[in-house]
Amino acid sequence: MFQLDGIQPGDGVKAERSPGLTGTLTDSMMELQTLQEALKVEIQVHQKLVTQMKQDPQNADLKKQLHELQAKITALSEKQVFQEMMLTQRKAVPVLFHYSTF
């Protein structure tokens, strides 16, 4: 019969959540929500700038603002993707195993 050192047949396995993991997960979810809200606002501003650009396509100031805003949206989007990946990884391993006899 297969046996691991220190673990005898009949020993139970107890699964417990790691202390602090819930708080970290909640913080990550809140950060993701904050990023999504910021991205939504910046996209709305972008839409307004595009509308203004249609009325005045040669406006250098609007072009500059649009270019800067596009860079900001890209950065926020990249942060959002990273945060989603981190959140997915944290959700994937939420349980630590502790061996104990029941």
N, C-alpha and C. Protein backbone atom coordinates (compact mmCIF):
# COMPACT_ATOMS: atom_id res chain seq x y z
N MET A 1 0.84 -1.18 0.00
CA MET A 1 0.00 0.00 0.00
C MET A 1 0.88 1.24 0.00
N PHE A 2 0.49 2.27 -0.77
CA PHE A 2 1.25 3.51 -0.88
C PHE A 2 1.07 4.37 0.36
N GLN A 3 2.19 4.88 0.88
CA GLN A 3 2.13 5.71 2.09
C GLN A 3 3.12 6.85 1.97
N LEU A 4 2.75 8.03 2.43
CA LEU A 4 3.66 9.16 2.51
C LEU A 4 4.20 9.25 3.92
N ASP A 5 5.44 9.69 4.05
CA ASP A 5 6.03 9.84 5.38
C ASP A 5 5.18 10.75 6.24
N GLY A 6 4.86 10.29 7.43
CA GLY A 6 4.11 11.11 8.38
C GLY A 6 2.61 11.07 8.19
N ILE A 7 2.15 10.50 7.11
CA ILE A 7 0.71 10.43 6.87
C ILE A 7 0.31 8.96 6.87
N GLN A 8 -0.56 8.62 7.75
CA GLN A 8 -0.98 7.24 7.92
C GLN A 8 -2.36 7.04 7.28
N PRO A 9 -2.65 5.81 6.87
CA PRO A 9 -4.00 5.53 6.36
C PRO A 9 -5.04 5.92 7.41
N GLY A 10 -6.08 6.54 6.97
CA GLY A 10 -7.12 6.97 7.90
C GLY A 10 -6.96 8.41 8.34
N ASP A 11 -5.76 9.01 8.11
CA ASP A 11 -5.59 10.42 8.43
C ASP A 11 -6.46 11.23 7.47
N GLY A 12 -7.11 12.23 8.00
CA GLY A 12 -7.98 13.06 7.17
C GLY A 12 -7.22 14.25 6.61
N VAL A 13 -7.77 14.85 5.62
CA VAL A 13 -7.22 16.06 5.05
C VAL A 13 -8.23 17.16 5.28
N LYS A 14 -7.77 18.25 5.85
CA LYS A 14 -8.65 19.37 6.15
C LYS A 14 -8.22 20.54 5.26
N ALA A 15 -9.16 21.12 4.56
CA ALA A 15 -8.87 22.27 3.70
C ALA A 15 -9.35 23.53 4.39
N GLU A 16 -8.47 24.52 4.41
CA GLU A 16 -8.83 25.81 5.01
C GLU A 16 -8.39 26.92 4.08
N ARG A 17 -9.15 27.97 4.11
CA ARG A 17 -8.75 29.15 3.35
C ARG A 17 -7.57 29.80 4.05
N SER A 18 -6.67 30.32 3.24
CA SER A 18 -5.51 31.00 3.79
C SER A 18 -5.95 32.32 4.41
N PRO A 19 -5.51 32.64 5.62
CA PRO A 19 -5.88 33.93 6.23
C PRO A 19 -5.38 35.08 5.36
N GLY A 20 -6.19 36.06 5.18
CA GLY A 20 -5.78 37.23 4.40
C GLY A 20 -6.07 37.10 2.92
N LEU A 21 -6.33 35.90 2.44
CA LEU A 21 -6.58 35.72 1.02
C LEU A 21 -7.88 36.40 0.60
N THR A 22 -8.88 36.31 1.44
CA THR A 22 -10.17 36.93 1.13
C THR A 22 -10.01 38.44 0.99
N GLY A 23 -9.28 39.07 1.89
CA GLY A 23 -9.05 40.51 1.80
C GLY A 23 -8.30 40.89 0.54
N THR A 24 -7.29 40.12 0.18
CA THR A 24 -6.51 40.38 -1.02
C THR A 24 -7.39 40.26 -2.25
N LEU A 25 -8.23 39.24 -2.28
CA LEU A 25 -9.13 39.03 -3.40
C LEU A 25 -10.11 40.19 -3.52
N THR A 26 -10.66 40.62 -2.40
CA THR A 26 -11.60 41.75 -2.40
C THR A 26 -10.90 43.02 -2.87
N ASP A 27 -9.68 43.26 -2.39
CA ASP A 27 -8.92 44.43 -2.81
C ASP A 27 -8.67 44.41 -4.32
N SER A 28 -8.34 43.24 -4.84
CA SER A 28 -8.09 43.10 -6.27
C SER A 28 -9.35 43.36 -7.09
N MET A 29 -10.47 42.88 -6.58
CA MET A 29 -11.74 43.11 -7.28
C MET A 29 -12.10 44.59 -7.28
N MET A 30 -11.84 45.26 -6.16
CA MET A 30 -12.12 46.69 -6.07
C MET A 30 -11.20 47.47 -7.00
N GLU A 31 -9.95 47.07 -7.07
CA GLU A 31 -9.01 47.75 -7.96
C GLU A 31 -9.42 47.56 -9.42
N LEU A 32 -9.88 46.35 -9.75
CA LEU A 32 -10.35 46.09 -11.11
C LEU A 32 -11.56 46.96 -11.43
N GLN A 33 -12.48 47.08 -10.49
CA GLN A 33 -13.67 47.91 -10.70
C GLN A 33 -13.27 49.38 -10.88
N THR A 34 -12.32 49.84 -10.11
CA THR A 34 -11.84 51.22 -10.24
C THR A 34 -11.22 51.45 -11.61
N LEU A 35 -10.42 50.49 -12.08
CA LEU A 35 -9.82 50.60 -13.41
C LEU A 35 -10.89 50.63 -14.49
N GLN A 36 -11.90 49.79 -14.35
CA GLN A 36 -12.98 49.75 -15.35
C GLN A 36 -13.75 51.06 -15.39
N GLU A 37 -14.00 51.64 -14.22
CA GLU A 37 -14.71 52.92 -14.17
C GLU A 37 -13.87 54.03 -14.79
N ALA A 38 -12.57 54.04 -14.51
CA ALA A 38 -11.68 55.05 -15.09
C ALA A 38 -11.62 54.89 -16.60
N LEU A 39 -11.55 53.66 -17.07
CA LEU A 39 -11.52 53.40 -18.50
C LEU A 39 -12.81 53.87 -19.17
N LYS A 40 -13.93 53.64 -18.53
CA LYS A 40 -15.22 54.08 -19.07
C LYS A 40 -15.25 55.60 -19.23
N VAL A 41 -14.79 56.31 -18.21
CA VAL A 41 -14.77 57.78 -18.26
C VAL A 41 -13.86 58.27 -19.38
N GLU A 42 -12.67 57.69 -19.49
CA GLU A 42 -11.72 58.12 -20.52
C GLU A 42 -12.25 57.83 -21.92
N ILE A 43 -12.96 56.74 -22.09
CA ILE A 43 -13.56 56.43 -23.40
C ILE A 43 -14.66 57.43 -23.73
N GLN A 44 -15.44 57.85 -22.75
CA GLN A 44 -16.47 58.87 -22.98
C GLN A 44 -15.84 60.20 -23.39
N VAL A 45 -14.75 60.56 -22.73
CA VAL A 45 -14.03 61.79 -23.09
C VAL A 45 -13.49 61.67 -24.52
N HIS A 46 -12.96 60.49 -24.85
CA HIS A 46 -12.44 60.24 -26.19
C HIS A 46 -13.54 60.43 -27.24
N GLN A 47 -14.73 59.91 -26.96
CA GLN A 47 -15.85 60.05 -27.89
C GLN A 47 -16.20 61.52 -28.12
N LYS A 48 -16.16 62.31 -27.06
CA LYS A 48 -16.45 63.74 -27.19
C LYS A 48 -15.37 64.44 -28.03
N LEU A 49 -14.11 64.06 -27.79
CA LEU A 49 -13.02 64.65 -28.58
C LEU A 49 -13.13 64.29 -30.05
N VAL A 50 -13.51 63.06 -30.34
CA VAL A 50 -13.68 62.63 -31.74
C VAL A 50 -14.78 63.46 -32.40
N THR A 51 -15.85 63.70 -31.67
CA THR A 51 -16.94 64.53 -32.20
C THR A 51 -16.44 65.94 -32.50
N GLN A 52 -15.64 66.50 -31.60
CA GLN A 52 -15.08 67.83 -31.81
C GLN A 52 -14.11 67.84 -33.00
N MET A 53 -13.35 66.76 -33.13
CA MET A 53 -12.39 66.67 -34.25
C MET A 53 -13.12 66.64 -35.60
N LYS A 54 -14.30 66.03 -35.63
CA LYS A 54 -15.07 65.99 -36.88
C LYS A 54 -15.50 67.39 -37.30
N GLN A 55 -15.74 68.25 -36.31
CA GLN A 55 -16.16 69.62 -36.60
C GLN A 55 -14.96 70.51 -36.95
N ASP A 56 -13.79 70.16 -36.40
CA ASP A 56 -12.59 70.97 -36.63
C ASP A 56 -11.37 70.05 -36.80
N PRO A 57 -11.29 69.36 -37.95
CA PRO A 57 -10.25 68.35 -38.15
C PRO A 57 -8.82 68.88 -38.17
N GLN A 58 -8.64 70.16 -38.34
CA GLN A 58 -7.29 70.73 -38.40
C GLN A 58 -6.82 71.28 -37.05
N ASN A 59 -7.61 71.16 -36.01
CA ASN A 59 -7.28 71.71 -34.70
C ASN A 59 -6.14 70.90 -34.06
N ALA A 60 -4.98 71.52 -33.99
CA ALA A 60 -3.78 70.85 -33.47
C ALA A 60 -3.92 70.50 -31.99
N ASP A 61 -4.59 71.37 -31.24
CA ASP A 61 -4.76 71.12 -29.81
C ASP A 61 -5.64 69.88 -29.58
N LEU A 62 -6.71 69.77 -30.35
CA LEU A 62 -7.58 68.59 -30.24
C LEU A 62 -6.83 67.31 -30.63
N LYS A 63 -6.01 67.41 -31.69
CA LYS A 63 -5.22 66.25 -32.11
C LYS A 63 -4.27 65.80 -30.99
N LYS A 64 -3.65 66.78 -30.34
CA LYS A 64 -2.72 66.47 -29.25
C LYS A 64 -3.47 65.82 -28.09
N GLN A 65 -4.61 66.41 -27.71
CA GLN A 65 -5.41 65.85 -26.62
C GLN A 65 -5.87 64.42 -26.94
N LEU A 66 -6.27 64.22 -28.18
CA LEU A 66 -6.74 62.90 -28.60
C LEU A 66 -5.60 61.88 -28.52
N HIS A 67 -4.42 62.27 -28.99
CA HIS A 67 -3.27 61.38 -28.94
C HIS A 67 -2.90 61.02 -27.49
N GLU A 68 -2.88 62.01 -26.61
CA GLU A 68 -2.56 61.77 -25.20
C GLU A 68 -3.61 60.88 -24.54
N LEU A 69 -4.87 61.11 -24.89
CA LEU A 69 -5.96 60.32 -24.32
C LEU A 69 -5.90 58.87 -24.81
N GLN A 70 -5.53 58.67 -26.06
CA GLN A 70 -5.39 57.32 -26.58
C GLN A 70 -4.30 56.55 -25.83
N ALA A 71 -3.22 57.23 -25.51
CA ALA A 71 -2.14 56.59 -24.74
C ALA A 71 -2.62 56.24 -23.33
N LYS A 72 -3.39 57.14 -22.74
CA LYS A 72 -3.93 56.89 -21.39
C LYS A 72 -4.90 55.70 -21.40
N ILE A 73 -5.76 55.64 -22.41
CA ILE A 73 -6.72 54.53 -22.53
C ILE A 73 -5.98 53.21 -22.72
N THR A 74 -4.94 53.23 -23.52
CA THR A 74 -4.15 52.02 -23.73
C THR A 74 -3.51 51.55 -22.43
N ALA A 75 -2.95 52.48 -21.67
CA ALA A 75 -2.31 52.14 -20.39
C ALA A 75 -3.34 51.57 -19.40
N LEU A 76 -4.50 52.20 -19.31
CA LEU A 76 -5.56 51.70 -18.42
C LEU A 76 -6.03 50.31 -18.86
N SER A 77 -6.14 50.12 -20.15
CA SER A 77 -6.58 48.82 -20.67
C SER A 77 -5.56 47.73 -20.33
N GLU A 78 -4.28 48.05 -20.47
CA GLU A 78 -3.24 47.07 -20.13
C GLU A 78 -3.25 46.75 -18.63
N LYS A 79 -3.47 47.76 -17.80
CA LYS A 79 -3.57 47.52 -16.36
C LYS A 79 -4.77 46.65 -16.04
N GLN A 80 -5.88 46.88 -16.75
CA GLN A 80 -7.08 46.09 -16.53
C GLN A 80 -6.84 44.62 -16.88
N VAL A 81 -6.20 44.37 -18.00
CA VAL A 81 -5.91 43.00 -18.41
C VAL A 81 -5.01 42.33 -17.37
N PHE A 82 -3.98 43.05 -16.92
CA PHE A 82 -3.08 42.49 -15.90
C PHE A 82 -3.84 42.19 -14.62
N GLN A 83 -4.69 43.12 -14.19
CA GLN A 83 -5.46 42.93 -12.96
C GLN A 83 -6.41 41.75 -13.08
N GLU A 84 -7.03 41.58 -14.26
CA GLU A 84 -7.92 40.44 -14.47
C GLU A 84 -7.14 39.13 -14.39
N MET A 85 -5.92 39.12 -14.95
CA MET A 85 -5.10 37.91 -14.88
C MET A 85 -4.72 37.59 -13.44
N MET A 86 -4.35 38.60 -12.69
CA MET A 86 -3.98 38.39 -11.29
C MET A 86 -5.18 37.88 -10.49
N LEU A 87 -6.33 38.45 -10.74
CA LEU A 87 -7.54 38.05 -10.05
C LEU A 87 -7.90 36.60 -10.38
N THR A 88 -7.78 36.23 -11.64
CA THR A 88 -8.05 34.86 -12.06
C THR A 88 -7.10 33.88 -11.39
N GLN A 89 -5.83 34.24 -11.30
CA GLN A 89 -4.86 33.37 -10.64
C GLN A 89 -5.17 33.22 -9.17
N ARG A 90 -5.57 34.29 -8.51
CA ARG A 90 -5.88 34.23 -7.08
C ARG A 90 -7.12 33.37 -6.83
N LYS A 91 -8.08 33.44 -7.74
CA LYS A 91 -9.29 32.63 -7.59
C LYS A 91 -9.00 31.15 -7.87
N ALA A 92 -7.99 30.89 -8.70
CA ALA A 92 -7.68 29.52 -9.09
C ALA A 92 -7.09 28.70 -7.95
N VAL A 93 -6.44 29.35 -6.98
CA VAL A 93 -5.79 28.63 -5.88
C VAL A 93 -6.24 29.21 -4.54
N PRO A 94 -7.54 29.15 -4.24
CA PRO A 94 -8.01 29.77 -3.00
C PRO A 94 -7.91 28.89 -1.77
N VAL A 95 -7.49 27.63 -1.94
CA VAL A 95 -7.52 26.70 -0.81
C VAL A 95 -6.12 26.15 -0.54
N LEU A 96 -5.70 26.18 0.71
CA LEU A 96 -4.46 25.54 1.11
C LEU A 96 -4.83 24.30 1.89
N PHE A 97 -4.06 23.26 1.77
CA PHE A 97 -4.37 22.02 2.45
C PHE A 97 -3.48 21.85 3.68
N HIS A 98 -4.08 21.51 4.77
CA HIS A 98 -3.39 21.22 6.00
C HIS A 98 -3.74 19.79 6.38
N TYR A 99 -2.73 19.00 6.63
CA TYR A 99 -2.98 17.61 7.00
C TYR A 99 -3.18 17.52 8.50
N SER A 100 -4.24 16.86 8.88
CA SER A 100 -4.50 16.63 10.30
C SER A 100 -5.35 15.39 10.45
N THR A 101 -5.32 14.85 11.63
CA THR A 101 -6.13 13.68 11.94
C THR A 101 -7.48 14.15 12.43
N PHE A 102 -8.53 13.64 11.88
CA PHE A 102 -9.88 14.04 12.30
C PHE A 102 -10.25 13.33 13.55
